[in-house]
């Protein structure tokens, strides 16, 4: 084996065994590396939290929209009922014999 092959082999052994950390003095920087790792974990957790809340906001917006539609439909029904009762009250006040229909409307064919 040549000298170059031994150097490459030694380099791989140093990297995979962790000796390079001690030789380069990186062990003194480990608290900083741990701090950076914790910061990345916090950033990832915060991003996931914000995304979860945004999904919840979108769901709530859809629910609010459907509730608004339902509310408008009820308002229209109530206005229609109010108008009908108002007309019935006016007819009774005028002593009219007109009554609401008992049977449904029939189609009259003209010849």
Protein backbone atom coordinates (compact mmCIF):
# COMPACT_ATOMS: atom_id res chain seq x y z
CA UNK A 1 0.00 0.00 0.00
CA UNK A 2 1.21 3.43 -0.87
CA UNK A 3 1.57 6.34 1.45
CA UNK A 4 -1.36 8.12 -0.14
CA UNK A 5 -3.65 5.12 0.41
CA UNK A 6 -2.59 4.97 4.05
CA UNK A 7 -3.34 8.69 4.47
CA UNK A 8 -6.79 8.25 2.95
CA UNK A 9 -7.43 5.22 5.15
CA UNK A 10 -6.25 7.10 8.24
CA UNK A 11 -8.44 10.06 7.31
CA UNK A 12 -11.55 7.83 6.99
CA UNK A 13 -10.76 6.14 10.31
CA UNK A 14 -10.35 9.53 12.01
CA UNK A 15 -13.67 10.80 10.65
CA UNK A 16 -15.72 7.71 11.45
CA UNK A 17 -14.15 7.02 14.84
CA UNK A 18 -14.58 10.62 15.99
CA UNK A 19 -10.86 11.26 16.56
CA UNK A 20 -11.01 14.23 14.18
CA UNK A 21 -13.18 16.05 16.74
CA UNK A 22 -10.41 15.82 19.33
CA UNK A 23 -7.56 16.56 16.90
CA UNK A 24 -9.18 19.72 15.53
CA UNK A 25 -10.35 20.94 18.96
CA UNK A 26 -14.02 20.84 17.98
CA UNK A 27 -14.89 19.33 21.37
CA UNK A 28 -14.54 22.81 22.89
CA UNK A 29 -17.24 24.03 20.49
CA UNK A 30 -19.78 21.33 21.38
CA UNK A 31 -21.91 23.59 23.62
CA UNK A 32 -22.25 25.99 20.69
CA UNK A 33 -23.17 23.13 18.34
CA UNK A 34 -25.75 21.89 20.85
CA UNK A 35 -27.13 25.44 21.12
CA UNK A 36 -27.50 25.68 17.34
CA UNK A 37 -29.18 22.25 17.27
CA UNK A 38 -31.68 23.33 19.93
CA UNK A 39 -32.39 26.54 17.99
CA UNK A 40 -33.12 24.53 14.84
CA UNK A 41 -35.44 22.23 16.80
CA UNK A 42 -37.30 25.24 18.21
CA UNK A 43 -37.63 26.80 14.75
CA UNK A 44 -39.01 23.57 13.30
CA UNK A 45 -41.45 23.13 16.20
CA UNK A 46 -42.61 26.75 15.85
CA UNK A 47 -43.16 26.34 12.11
CA UNK A 48 -45.26 23.22 12.69
CA UNK A 49 -47.28 25.01 15.37
CA UNK A 50 -47.95 28.00 13.10
CA UNK A 51 -48.95 25.73 10.22
CA UNK A 52 -51.35 23.83 12.49
CA UNK A 53 -52.95 27.10 13.61
CA UNK A 54 -53.27 28.32 10.01
CA UNK A 55 -55.10 25.11 9.07
CA UNK A 56 -57.41 25.65 12.03
CA UNK A 57 -58.06 29.25 10.93
CA UNK A 58 -58.97 28.06 7.42
CA UNK A 59 -61.37 25.45 8.82
CA UNK A 60 -62.97 28.05 11.08
CA UNK A 61 -63.35 30.45 8.14
CA UNK A 62 -65.26 27.77 6.21
CA UNK A 63 -67.48 27.08 9.23
CA UNK A 64 -68.16 30.80 9.69
CA UNK A 65 -69.06 31.13 6.01
CA UNK A 66 -71.54 28.25 6.21
CA UNK A 67 -73.05 29.70 9.40
CA UNK A 68 -73.44 33.08 7.72
CA UNK A 69 -75.25 31.47 4.79
CA UNK A 70 -77.54 29.62 7.20
CA UNK A 71 -78.23 32.83 9.10
CA UNK A 72 -79.12 34.70 5.90
CA UNK A 73 -81.48 31.90 4.86
CA UNK A 74 -83.23 32.04 8.24
CA UNK A 75 -83.50 35.82 7.98
CA UNK A 76 -85.15 35.50 4.56
CA UNK A 77 -87.59 32.89 5.91
CA UNK A 78 -88.46 35.09 8.88
CA UNK A 79 -88.99 38.13 6.67
CA UNK A 80 -91.32 36.05 4.50
CA UNK A 81 -93.24 34.86 7.57
CA UNK A 82 -93.44 38.39 8.92
CA UNK A 83 -94.83 39.64 5.64
CA UNK A 84 -97.43 36.86 5.53
CA UNK A 85 -98.60 37.50 9.08
CA UNK A 86 -98.71 41.23 8.35
CA UNK A 87 -100.92 40.64 5.31
CA UNK A 88 -103.20 38.28 7.27
CA UNK A 89 -103.53 40.90 9.99
CA UNK A 90 -104.45 43.56 7.39
CA UNK A 91 -107.09 41.24 5.87
CA UNK A 92 -108.64 40.53 9.27
CA UNK A 93 -108.64 44.25 10.04
CA UNK A 94 -110.59 44.89 6.82
CA UNK A 95 -113.01 42.03 7.63
CA UNK A 96 -112.05 40.19 4.48
CA UNK A 97 -113.28 36.68 3.85
CA UNK A 98 -110.05 35.80 2.08
CA UNK A 99 -108.33 32.84 3.74
CA UNK A 100 -105.04 31.05 3.05
CA UNK A 101 -105.42 28.15 0.62
CA UNK A 102 -106.19 24.73 2.05
CA UNK A 103 -105.34 22.70 -1.06
CA UNK A 104 -102.22 23.17 -3.15
CA UNK A 105 -102.48 25.17 -6.38
CA UNK A 106 -103.90 23.38 -9.43
CA UNK A 107 -102.93 23.86 -13.04
CA UNK A 108 -105.79 25.12 -15.20
CA UNK A 109 -105.55 24.26 -18.88
CA UNK A 110 -107.24 26.65 -21.29
CA UNK A 111 -108.43 25.46 -24.67
